[in-house]
Amino acid sequence: MAQAPNSTRLILPFMGAFYENIAQPLAQLGLRVLVGGLLMIEGWPKIQDPFAMAGFTESIGMYPGWIWSAVLAVMQFIGGAMIVAGLLTRPVALANAVMLAVTFWFHWTHPYGGLALTQEGMAAAQAVGQVLFTEDGLRNLAQDGGAVFLHQVQSKAEGFSALSTVAALYLAAFGAGPLSVDRTVLKREF
């Protein structure tokens, strides 16, 4: 008698049904909602003005910028909604993974820089103190010119882009899971 694939590799074989029927479907749903939702949040300003990123897309070599700007807006907002719903998840996630990989490359190759303020800017910020800056603002900018703050922003931009790329690749490779339009309505995946 053949055993289920999970039962031969699990230390606690009785957990197999829980993993397959509850944990994995909910984890895939959670990942889809997170990835798709974040894409929608990032895409919302772009969908409101689909040609606003034309200059940026051309600056990284994608011509004509107005087309790529609109494609980016649709991929992020509409594609994010499709990922949340689990509709045509694999191709949409793959397209977004490519876009997210370009985003990671951009953050990696175009760092924010070391300082937000020059020495004169730090002196001016400290001189005006609480009149123009909050206590947090002074701590983050005036004392070190924003070096620590910019390092944190750079680290988060790179990390978020890398994590999002891998998460989208996971969805492209493994699909939407059982709690999706692909499997419940269409009864198949792309």
N, C-alpha and C. Protein backbone atom coordinates (compact mmCIF):
# COMPACT_ATOMS: atom_id res chain seq x y z
N MET A 1 0.85 -1.17 0.00
CA MET A 1 0.00 0.00 0.00
C MET A 1 0.90 1.24 0.00
N ALA A 2 0.66 2.14 -0.92
CA ALA A 2 1.47 3.36 -1.03
C ALA A 2 1.03 4.37 0.01
N GLN A 3 2.03 5.04 0.59
CA GLN A 3 1.75 6.07 1.58
C GLN A 3 1.64 7.42 0.89
N ALA A 4 0.94 8.35 1.52
CA ALA A 4 0.87 9.71 1.01
C ALA A 4 2.27 10.31 1.01
N PRO A 5 2.61 11.14 0.05
CA PRO A 5 3.96 11.71 -0.03
C PRO A 5 4.41 12.39 1.25
N ASN A 6 3.52 13.10 1.91
CA ASN A 6 3.89 13.81 3.14
C ASN A 6 4.21 12.87 4.28
N SER A 7 3.46 11.77 4.40
CA SER A 7 3.60 10.91 5.58
C SER A 7 4.97 10.25 5.66
N THR A 8 5.64 10.07 4.53
CA THR A 8 6.96 9.42 4.56
C THR A 8 8.06 10.36 4.99
N ARG A 9 7.84 11.66 4.98
CA ARG A 9 8.90 12.59 5.34
C ARG A 9 8.61 13.41 6.60
N LEU A 10 7.43 13.29 7.14
CA LEU A 10 7.08 14.06 8.33
C LEU A 10 7.48 13.31 9.59
N ILE A 11 8.03 14.04 10.54
CA ILE A 11 8.35 13.46 11.84
C ILE A 11 7.06 13.11 12.57
N LEU A 12 6.06 13.96 12.41
CA LEU A 12 4.73 13.70 12.99
C LEU A 12 3.75 13.49 11.84
N PRO A 13 3.66 12.27 11.31
CA PRO A 13 2.84 12.01 10.12
C PRO A 13 1.38 12.42 10.27
N PHE A 14 0.85 12.38 11.49
CA PHE A 14 -0.56 12.73 11.69
C PHE A 14 -0.82 14.21 11.39
N MET A 15 0.24 15.03 11.29
CA MET A 15 0.08 16.47 10.98
C MET A 15 -0.09 16.72 9.48
N GLY A 16 0.14 15.69 8.67
CA GLY A 16 0.07 15.85 7.22
C GLY A 16 -1.23 16.45 6.73
N ALA A 17 -2.35 15.95 7.23
CA ALA A 17 -3.66 16.47 6.80
C ALA A 17 -3.82 17.93 7.18
N PHE A 18 -3.37 18.31 8.38
CA PHE A 18 -3.44 19.71 8.80
C PHE A 18 -2.62 20.59 7.88
N TYR A 19 -1.38 20.18 7.58
CA TYR A 19 -0.52 20.97 6.70
C TYR A 19 -1.14 21.15 5.32
N GLU A 20 -1.59 20.05 4.73
CA GLU A 20 -2.11 20.07 3.37
C GLU A 20 -3.47 20.75 3.25
N ASN A 21 -4.34 20.58 4.25
CA ASN A 21 -5.71 21.08 4.13
C ASN A 21 -5.96 22.43 4.80
N ILE A 22 -5.11 22.81 5.74
CA ILE A 22 -5.33 24.07 6.46
C ILE A 22 -4.13 25.02 6.34
N ALA A 23 -2.98 24.58 6.82
CA ALA A 23 -1.82 25.46 6.89
C ALA A 23 -1.35 25.95 5.51
N GLN A 24 -1.17 25.04 4.56
CA GLN A 24 -0.68 25.45 3.25
C GLN A 24 -1.68 26.33 2.50
N PRO A 25 -2.95 25.98 2.44
CA PRO A 25 -3.90 26.88 1.76
C PRO A 25 -3.97 28.27 2.38
N LEU A 26 -3.97 28.34 3.73
CA LEU A 26 -4.03 29.65 4.38
C LEU A 26 -2.74 30.43 4.18
N ALA A 27 -1.60 29.75 4.17
CA ALA A 27 -0.32 30.43 3.93
C ALA A 27 -0.27 30.98 2.51
N GLN A 28 -0.73 30.20 1.53
CA GLN A 28 -0.76 30.69 0.15
C GLN A 28 -1.72 31.86 0.01
N LEU A 29 -2.86 31.79 0.64
CA LEU A 29 -3.81 32.89 0.62
C LEU A 29 -3.19 34.14 1.26
N GLY A 30 -2.57 33.97 2.42
CA GLY A 30 -1.93 35.10 3.10
C GLY A 30 -0.83 35.73 2.25
N LEU A 31 -0.01 34.90 1.62
CA LEU A 31 1.05 35.43 0.77
C LEU A 31 0.47 36.19 -0.42
N ARG A 32 -0.57 35.64 -1.03
CA ARG A 32 -1.22 36.31 -2.16
C ARG A 32 -1.80 37.65 -1.75
N VAL A 33 -2.50 37.68 -0.62
CA VAL A 33 -3.12 38.93 -0.16
C VAL A 33 -2.04 39.96 0.16
N LEU A 34 -0.96 39.52 0.78
CA LEU A 34 0.12 40.45 1.12
C LEU A 34 0.82 40.98 -0.13
N VAL A 35 1.25 40.10 -1.01
CA VAL A 35 1.96 40.53 -2.22
C VAL A 35 1.04 41.36 -3.11
N GLY A 36 -0.15 40.85 -3.38
CA GLY A 36 -1.09 41.58 -4.23
C GLY A 36 -1.53 42.90 -3.61
N GLY A 37 -1.78 42.89 -2.32
CA GLY A 37 -2.19 44.12 -1.63
C GLY A 37 -1.11 45.18 -1.67
N LEU A 38 0.14 44.78 -1.43
CA LEU A 38 1.24 45.75 -1.49
C LEU A 38 1.45 46.28 -2.90
N LEU A 39 1.27 45.41 -3.89
CA LEU A 39 1.36 45.88 -5.28
C LEU A 39 0.26 46.90 -5.57
N MET A 40 -0.93 46.64 -5.06
CA MET A 40 -2.03 47.58 -5.27
C MET A 40 -1.76 48.92 -4.58
N ILE A 41 -1.21 48.88 -3.38
CA ILE A 41 -0.88 50.12 -2.66
C ILE A 41 0.16 50.91 -3.45
N GLU A 42 1.20 50.23 -3.93
CA GLU A 42 2.23 50.90 -4.72
C GLU A 42 1.68 51.36 -6.07
N GLY A 43 0.72 50.61 -6.61
CA GLY A 43 0.18 50.92 -7.93
C GLY A 43 -0.92 51.97 -7.93
N TRP A 44 -1.55 52.22 -6.79
CA TRP A 44 -2.67 53.15 -6.74
C TRP A 44 -2.31 54.54 -7.27
N PRO A 45 -1.23 55.17 -6.82
CA PRO A 45 -0.89 56.49 -7.38
C PRO A 45 -0.58 56.42 -8.87
N LYS A 46 -0.02 55.29 -9.30
CA LYS A 46 0.34 55.14 -10.71
C LYS A 46 -0.90 54.95 -11.58
N ILE A 47 -1.90 54.24 -11.08
CA ILE A 47 -3.11 54.03 -11.87
C ILE A 47 -3.90 55.33 -11.96
N GLN A 48 -3.77 56.21 -10.97
CA GLN A 48 -4.44 57.51 -11.02
C GLN A 48 -3.80 58.43 -12.06
N ASP A 49 -2.50 58.27 -12.30
CA ASP A 49 -1.79 59.05 -13.31
C ASP A 49 -0.84 58.10 -14.04
N PRO A 50 -1.37 57.32 -14.98
CA PRO A 50 -0.60 56.23 -15.57
C PRO A 50 0.63 56.65 -16.37
N PHE A 51 0.74 57.91 -16.72
CA PHE A 51 1.90 58.34 -17.52
C PHE A 51 2.94 59.09 -16.68
N ALA A 52 2.73 59.17 -15.39
CA ALA A 52 3.63 59.93 -14.51
C ALA A 52 5.03 59.33 -14.42
N MET A 53 5.16 58.04 -14.66
CA MET A 53 6.46 57.38 -14.53
C MET A 53 7.22 57.32 -15.85
N ALA A 54 6.73 58.03 -16.88
CA ALA A 54 7.36 57.98 -18.21
C ALA A 54 8.82 58.38 -18.16
N GLY A 55 9.12 59.46 -17.48
CA GLY A 55 10.51 59.91 -17.38
C GLY A 55 11.39 58.90 -16.67
N PHE A 56 10.85 58.32 -15.60
CA PHE A 56 11.63 57.32 -14.86
C PHE A 56 11.90 56.09 -15.72
N THR A 57 10.86 55.57 -16.39
CA THR A 57 11.06 54.36 -17.18
C THR A 57 12.06 54.59 -18.30
N GLU A 58 12.03 55.78 -18.90
CA GLU A 58 13.03 56.08 -19.93
C GLU A 58 14.42 56.23 -19.33
N SER A 59 14.51 56.73 -18.09
CA SER A 59 15.82 56.90 -17.46
C SER A 59 16.51 55.56 -17.19
N ILE A 60 15.73 54.47 -17.15
CA ILE A 60 16.36 53.15 -16.97
C ILE A 60 16.38 52.36 -18.29
N GLY A 61 16.14 53.07 -19.40
CA GLY A 61 16.30 52.46 -20.71
C GLY A 61 15.06 51.82 -21.31
N MET A 62 13.89 52.09 -20.79
CA MET A 62 12.67 51.48 -21.31
C MET A 62 11.90 52.52 -22.12
N TYR A 63 11.96 52.38 -23.44
CA TYR A 63 11.33 53.34 -24.36
C TYR A 63 10.19 52.68 -25.11
N PRO A 64 9.15 53.38 -25.48
CA PRO A 64 8.81 54.73 -25.05
C PRO A 64 8.27 54.71 -23.62
N GLY A 65 8.68 55.69 -22.86
CA GLY A 65 8.34 55.74 -21.44
C GLY A 65 6.87 55.78 -21.15
N TRP A 66 6.09 56.43 -22.00
CA TRP A 66 4.66 56.54 -21.72
C TRP A 66 3.97 55.18 -21.77
N ILE A 67 4.43 54.29 -22.65
CA ILE A 67 3.84 52.95 -22.69
C ILE A 67 4.23 52.16 -21.44
N TRP A 68 5.53 52.17 -21.12
CA TRP A 68 6.00 51.40 -19.97
C TRP A 68 5.44 51.94 -18.66
N SER A 69 5.23 53.25 -18.60
CA SER A 69 4.62 53.83 -17.40
C SER A 69 3.21 53.29 -17.20
N ALA A 70 2.44 53.24 -18.28
CA ALA A 70 1.07 52.71 -18.20
C ALA A 70 1.08 51.21 -17.89
N VAL A 71 2.01 50.48 -18.50
CA VAL A 71 2.13 49.04 -18.24
C VAL A 71 2.45 48.81 -16.76
N LEU A 72 3.36 49.60 -16.24
CA LEU A 72 3.73 49.50 -14.82
C LEU A 72 2.53 49.75 -13.93
N ALA A 73 1.74 50.77 -14.24
CA ALA A 73 0.55 51.08 -13.45
C ALA A 73 -0.44 49.92 -13.46
N VAL A 74 -0.72 49.38 -14.62
CA VAL A 74 -1.67 48.27 -14.75
C VAL A 74 -1.14 47.02 -14.07
N MET A 75 0.16 46.72 -14.29
CA MET A 75 0.74 45.52 -13.67
C MET A 75 0.64 45.58 -12.16
N GLN A 76 0.94 46.74 -11.59
CA GLN A 76 0.93 46.84 -10.14
C GLN A 76 -0.50 46.83 -9.59
N PHE A 77 -1.35 47.71 -10.09
CA PHE A 77 -2.66 47.81 -9.48
C PHE A 77 -3.60 46.68 -9.90
N ILE A 78 -3.83 46.53 -11.19
CA ILE A 78 -4.73 45.48 -11.67
C ILE A 78 -4.12 44.10 -11.41
N GLY A 79 -2.81 43.97 -11.68
CA GLY A 79 -2.12 42.70 -11.40
C GLY A 79 -2.16 42.34 -9.93
N GLY A 80 -1.99 43.34 -9.07
CA GLY A 80 -2.07 43.10 -7.63
C GLY A 80 -3.44 42.59 -7.23
N ALA A 81 -4.50 43.19 -7.80
CA ALA A 81 -5.87 42.73 -7.51
C ALA A 81 -6.08 41.30 -8.01
N MET A 82 -5.52 40.98 -9.16
CA MET A 82 -5.65 39.62 -9.69
C MET A 82 -4.92 38.62 -8.80
N ILE A 83 -3.77 39.01 -8.27
CA ILE A 83 -3.03 38.12 -7.37
C ILE A 83 -3.82 37.92 -6.08
N VAL A 84 -4.38 38.99 -5.53
CA VAL A 84 -5.20 38.86 -4.32
C VAL A 84 -6.34 37.87 -4.56
N ALA A 85 -7.01 38.00 -5.69
CA ALA A 85 -8.15 37.12 -6.01
C ALA A 85 -7.70 35.72 -6.39
N GLY A 86 -6.46 35.58 -6.81
CA GLY A 86 -5.99 34.29 -7.30
C GLY A 86 -6.47 34.01 -8.71
N LEU A 87 -6.50 35.04 -9.54
CA LEU A 87 -6.96 34.92 -10.92
C LEU A 87 -5.77 35.02 -11.87
N LEU A 88 -5.55 33.97 -12.66
CA LEU A 88 -4.40 33.89 -13.57
C LEU A 88 -3.11 34.22 -12.82
N THR A 89 -3.01 33.66 -11.65
CA THR A 89 -1.96 34.01 -10.70
C THR A 89 -0.56 33.79 -11.25
N ARG A 90 -0.30 32.65 -11.85
CA ARG A 90 1.07 32.35 -12.29
C ARG A 90 1.61 33.37 -13.29
N PRO A 91 0.93 33.65 -14.41
CA PRO A 91 1.52 34.62 -15.34
C PRO A 91 1.57 36.04 -14.78
N VAL A 92 0.56 36.43 -14.01
CA VAL A 92 0.54 37.78 -13.43
C VAL A 92 1.66 37.91 -12.39
N ALA A 93 1.84 36.89 -11.57
CA ALA A 93 2.91 36.92 -10.57
C ALA A 93 4.28 36.92 -11.24
N LEU A 94 4.43 36.17 -12.32
CA LEU A 94 5.71 36.14 -13.04
C LEU A 94 6.02 37.51 -13.63
N ALA A 95 5.05 38.15 -14.26
CA ALA A 95 5.26 39.49 -14.82
C ALA A 95 5.65 40.47 -13.72
N ASN A 96 4.96 40.39 -12.58
CA ASN A 96 5.29 41.29 -11.47
C ASN A 96 6.63 40.94 -10.85
N ALA A 97 7.01 39.68 -10.85
CA ALA A 97 8.33 39.30 -10.33
C ALA A 97 9.44 39.93 -11.17
N VAL A 98 9.26 39.95 -12.48
CA VAL A 98 10.25 40.60 -13.35
C VAL A 98 10.32 42.09 -13.03
N MET A 99 9.15 42.73 -12.90
CA MET A 99 9.12 44.14 -12.56
C MET A 99 9.77 44.40 -11.20
N LEU A 100 9.50 43.55 -10.24
CA LEU A 100 10.08 43.70 -8.91
C LEU A 100 11.58 43.46 -8.92
N ALA A 101 12.05 42.55 -9.76
CA ALA A 101 13.49 42.33 -9.90
C ALA A 101 14.17 43.57 -10.47
N VAL A 102 13.51 44.23 -11.42
CA VAL A 102 14.05 45.49 -11.95
C VAL A 102 14.07 46.55 -10.84
N THR A 103 13.03 46.57 -10.02
CA THR A 103 12.98 47.50 -8.89
C THR A 103 14.13 47.23 -7.93
N PHE A 104 14.39 45.96 -7.63
CA PHE A 104 15.52 45.61 -6.76
C PHE A 104 16.83 46.08 -7.39
N TRP A 105 17.00 45.78 -8.68
CA TRP A 105 18.22 46.21 -9.38
C TRP A 105 18.38 47.72 -9.28
N PHE A 106 17.29 48.46 -9.48
CA PHE A 106 17.36 49.92 -9.41
C PHE A 106 17.82 50.38 -8.04
N HIS A 107 17.21 49.85 -6.98
CA HIS A 107 17.59 50.26 -5.63
C HIS A 107 19.05 49.89 -5.33
N TRP A 108 19.48 48.75 -5.83
CA TRP A 108 20.83 48.27 -5.59
C TRP A 108 21.86 49.16 -6.30
N THR A 109 21.53 49.58 -7.52
CA THR A 109 22.49 50.34 -8.32
C THR A 109 22.35 51.85 -8.20
N HIS A 110 21.29 52.33 -7.58
CA HIS A 110 21.06 53.77 -7.40
C HIS A 110 20.77 54.06 -5.93
N PRO A 111 21.77 53.91 -5.07
CA PRO A 111 21.53 54.13 -3.64
C PRO A 111 21.15 55.58 -3.35
N TYR A 112 20.49 55.78 -2.23
CA TYR A 112 20.03 57.10 -1.83
C TYR A 112 21.19 58.04 -1.50
N GLY A 113 22.33 57.51 -1.17
CA GLY A 113 23.48 58.34 -0.82
C GLY A 113 23.78 58.27 0.66
N GLY A 114 24.85 58.94 1.03
CA GLY A 114 25.32 58.86 2.41
C GLY A 114 24.72 59.90 3.34
N LEU A 115 24.43 61.09 2.82
CA LEU A 115 23.95 62.17 3.67
C LEU A 115 22.78 62.89 3.02
N ALA A 116 21.85 63.34 3.86
CA ALA A 116 20.75 64.16 3.37
C ALA A 116 21.09 65.63 3.50
N LEU A 117 21.96 65.96 4.45
CA LEU A 117 22.35 67.35 4.70
C LEU A 117 23.86 67.51 4.59
N THR A 118 24.29 68.65 4.11
CA THR A 118 25.71 69.00 4.12
C THR A 118 26.08 69.42 5.53
N GLN A 119 27.37 69.68 5.76
CA GLN A 119 27.81 70.17 7.08
C GLN A 119 27.09 71.49 7.42
N GLU A 120 26.94 72.34 6.41
CA GLU A 120 26.24 73.61 6.62
C GLU A 120 24.76 73.36 6.95
N GLY A 121 24.17 72.39 6.29
CA GLY A 121 22.78 72.05 6.56
C GLY A 121 22.59 71.52 7.97
N MET A 122 23.55 70.69 8.43
CA MET A 122 23.46 70.18 9.81
C MET A 122 23.59 71.32 10.80
N ALA A 123 24.52 72.24 10.54
CA ALA A 123 24.69 73.38 11.44
C ALA A 123 23.43 74.24 11.47
N ALA A 124 22.84 74.48 10.30
CA ALA A 124 21.62 75.29 10.24
C ALA A 124 20.47 74.59 10.96
N ALA A 125 20.35 73.29 10.78
CA ALA A 125 19.28 72.54 11.44
C ALA A 125 19.43 72.59 12.95
N GLN A 126 20.66 72.47 13.41
CA GLN A 126 20.87 72.53 14.86
C GLN A 126 20.64 73.94 15.39
N ALA A 127 20.94 74.96 14.58
CA ALA A 127 20.76 76.34 15.02
C ALA A 127 19.28 76.69 15.18
N VAL A 128 18.44 76.22 14.25
CA VAL A 128 17.02 76.54 14.35
C VAL A 128 16.28 75.57 15.26
N GLY A 129 16.92 74.43 15.53
CA GLY A 129 16.41 73.46 16.50
C GLY A 129 14.93 73.15 16.37
N GLN A 130 14.24 73.28 17.48
CA GLN A 130 12.85 72.89 17.57
C GLN A 130 11.90 73.79 16.79
N VAL A 131 12.40 74.90 16.27
CA VAL A 131 11.53 75.80 15.51
C VAL A 131 11.06 75.12 14.21
N LEU A 132 11.97 74.41 13.53
CA LEU A 132 11.64 73.79 12.25
C LEU A 132 11.54 72.27 12.29
N PHE A 133 12.19 71.65 13.26
CA PHE A 133 12.25 70.19 13.29
C PHE A 133 11.67 69.64 14.58
N THR A 134 11.09 68.47 14.49
CA THR A 134 10.69 67.77 15.70
C THR A 134 11.95 67.21 16.35
N GLU A 135 11.80 66.68 17.54
CA GLU A 135 12.93 66.06 18.22
C GLU A 135 13.47 64.88 17.40
N ASP A 136 12.53 64.08 16.83
CA ASP A 136 12.95 62.96 15.98
C ASP A 136 13.65 63.46 14.73
N GLY A 137 13.13 64.53 14.13
CA GLY A 137 13.75 65.08 12.94
C GLY A 137 15.17 65.55 13.20
N LEU A 138 15.37 66.22 14.33
CA LEU A 138 16.72 66.65 14.68
C LEU A 138 17.65 65.46 14.88
N ARG A 139 17.14 64.45 15.56
CA ARG A 139 17.96 63.27 15.81
C ARG A 139 18.32 62.57 14.49
N ASN A 140 17.36 62.48 13.57
CA ASN A 140 17.59 61.76 12.32
C ASN A 140 18.35 62.55 11.27
N LEU A 141 18.32 63.86 11.33
CA LEU A 141 18.95 64.64 10.28
C LEU A 141 20.10 65.52 10.77
N ALA A 142 19.85 66.30 11.79
CA ALA A 142 20.83 67.32 12.17
C ALA A 142 22.10 66.76 12.76
N GLN A 143 22.01 65.68 13.51
CA GLN A 143 23.20 65.18 14.20
C GLN A 143 24.17 64.46 13.28
N ASP A 144 23.63 63.70 12.33
CA ASP A 144 24.54 62.94 11.45
C ASP A 144 24.29 63.21 9.97
N GLY A 145 23.53 64.24 9.67
CA GLY A 145 23.23 64.57 8.28
C GLY A 145 22.26 63.62 7.63
N GLY A 146 21.63 62.78 8.41
CA GLY A 146 20.67 61.82 7.87
C GLY A 146 21.30 60.51 7.43
N ALA A 147 22.57 60.29 7.78
CA ALA A 147 23.27 59.08 7.32
C ALA A 147 22.59 57.80 7.79
N VAL A 148 22.27 57.72 9.08
CA VAL A 148 21.64 56.51 9.60
C VAL A 148 20.25 56.34 8.99
N PHE A 149 19.49 57.43 8.89
CA PHE A 149 18.16 57.37 8.31
C PHE A 149 18.22 56.89 6.86
N LEU A 150 19.11 57.47 6.05
CA LEU A 150 19.22 57.06 4.65
C LEU A 150 19.69 55.61 4.53
N HIS A 151 20.56 55.18 5.42
CA HIS A 151 21.00 53.78 5.40
C HIS A 151 19.81 52.86 5.66
N GLN A 152 18.97 53.22 6.61
CA GLN A 152 17.80 52.41 6.91
C GLN A 152 16.83 52.40 5.74
N VAL A 153 16.61 53.54 5.12
CA VAL A 153 15.70 53.62 3.97
C VAL A 153 16.25 52.76 2.83
N GLN A 154 17.55 52.85 2.56
CA GLN A 154 18.17 52.07 1.49
C GLN A 154 18.04 50.58 1.78
N SER A 155 18.33 50.20 3.01
CA SER A 155 18.25 48.79 3.40
C SER A 155 16.82 48.26 3.23
N LYS A 156 15.84 49.05 3.64
CA LYS A 156 14.44 48.62 3.51
C LYS A 156 14.02 48.55 2.05
N ALA A 157 14.45 49.50 1.23
CA ALA A 157 14.09 49.48 -0.19
C ALA A 157 14.66 48.24 -0.86
N GLU A 158 15.91 47.93 -0.59
CA GLU A 158 16.52 46.74 -1.18
C GLU A 158 15.89 45.46 -0.64
N GLY A 159 15.71 45.39 0.67
CA GLY A 159 15.15 44.19 1.29
C GLY A 159 13.71 43.94 0.86
N PHE A 160 12.90 45.00 0.86
CA PHE A 160 11.50 44.85 0.45
C PHE A 160 11.42 44.42 -1.01
N SER A 161 12.24 45.01 -1.87
CA SER A 161 12.23 44.64 -3.29
C SER A 161 12.66 43.19 -3.48
N ALA A 162 13.70 42.77 -2.77
CA ALA A 162 14.17 41.39 -2.89
C ALA A 162 13.12 40.40 -2.39
N LEU A 163 12.56 40.68 -1.23
CA LEU A 163 11.54 39.80 -0.65
C LEU A 163 10.30 39.73 -1.54
N SER A 164 9.87 40.87 -2.05
CA SER A 164 8.70 40.89 -2.94
C SER A 164 8.96 40.11 -4.22
N THR A 165 10.17 40.23 -4.76
CA THR A 165 10.53 39.49 -5.97
C THR A 165 10.43 38.00 -5.73
N VAL A 166 11.02 37.53 -4.63
CA VAL A 166 11.01 36.11 -4.32
C VAL A 166 9.58 35.62 -4.04
N ALA A 167 8.79 36.42 -3.33
CA ALA A 167 7.40 36.03 -3.05
C ALA A 167 6.60 35.92 -4.34
N ALA A 168 6.78 36.86 -5.26
CA ALA A 168 6.07 36.79 -6.54
C ALA A 168 6.55 35.58 -7.34
N LEU A 169 7.85 35.29 -7.30
CA LEU A 169 8.37 34.09 -7.99
C LEU A 169 7.78 32.82 -7.39
N TYR A 170 7.61 32.79 -6.08
CA TYR A 170 6.99 31.64 -5.42
C TYR A 170 5.57 31.43 -5.95
N LEU A 171 4.80 32.52 -6.02
CA LEU A 171 3.43 32.41 -6.53
C LEU A 171 3.41 32.00 -7.99
N ALA A 172 4.38 32.48 -8.77
CA ALA A 172 4.46 32.08 -10.18
C ALA A 172 4.79 30.60 -10.30
N ALA A 173 5.64 30.10 -9.42
CA ALA A 173 6.06 28.70 -9.48
C ALA A 173 5.01 27.74 -8.93
N PHE A 174 4.36 28.10 -7.82
CA PHE A 174 3.47 27.17 -7.14
C PHE A 174 1.98 27.50 -7.29
N GLY A 175 1.66 28.62 -7.88
CA GLY A 175 0.27 28.97 -8.11
C GLY A 175 -0.41 29.59 -6.92
N ALA A 176 -1.70 29.80 -7.07
CA ALA A 176 -2.49 30.55 -6.10
C ALA A 176 -2.93 29.72 -4.90
N GLY A 177 -2.92 28.42 -5.04
CA GLY A 177 -3.41 27.57 -3.96
C GLY A 177 -4.89 27.30 -4.11
N PRO A 178 -5.43 26.46 -3.23
CA PRO A 178 -6.82 26.02 -3.37
C PRO A 178 -7.86 27.11 -3.08
N LEU A 179 -7.51 28.13 -2.32
CA LEU A 179 -8.47 29.19 -1.99
C LEU A 179 -8.30 30.34 -2.98
N SER A 180 -8.63 30.09 -4.24
CA SER A 180 -8.40 31.08 -5.29
C SER A 180 -9.44 30.94 -6.39
N VAL A 181 -9.57 31.98 -7.18
CA VAL A 181 -10.45 31.94 -8.34
C VAL A 181 -9.96 30.89 -9.33
N ASP A 182 -8.63 30.80 -9.48
CA ASP A 182 -8.06 29.82 -10.40
C ASP A 182 -8.59 28.41 -10.11
N ARG A 183 -8.58 28.02 -8.86
CA ARG A 183 -8.95 26.64 -8.53
C ARG A 183 -10.43 26.46 -8.21
N THR A 184 -11.08 27.48 -7.66
CA THR A 184 -12.49 27.28 -7.26
C THR A 184 -13.47 27.60 -8.38
N VAL A 185 -13.17 28.60 -9.21
CA VAL A 185 -14.09 28.98 -10.29
C VAL A 185 -13.63 28.41 -11.62
N LEU A 186 -12.37 28.68 -11.98
CA LEU A 186 -11.86 28.19 -13.26
C LEU A 186 -11.56 26.69 -13.24
N LYS A 187 -11.33 26.15 -12.06
CA LYS A 187 -11.02 24.72 -11.86
C LYS A 187 -9.71 24.29 -12.51
N ARG A 188 -8.85 25.25 -12.80
CA ARG A 188 -7.53 24.95 -13.37
C ARG A 188 -6.64 26.18 -13.23
N GLU A 189 -5.35 25.95 -13.42
CA GLU A 189 -4.41 27.05 -13.37
C GLU A 189 -3.72 27.20 -14.71
N PHE A 190 -3.24 28.39 -14.96
CA PHE A 190 -2.56 28.68 -16.21
C PHE A 190 -1.31 27.84 -16.33
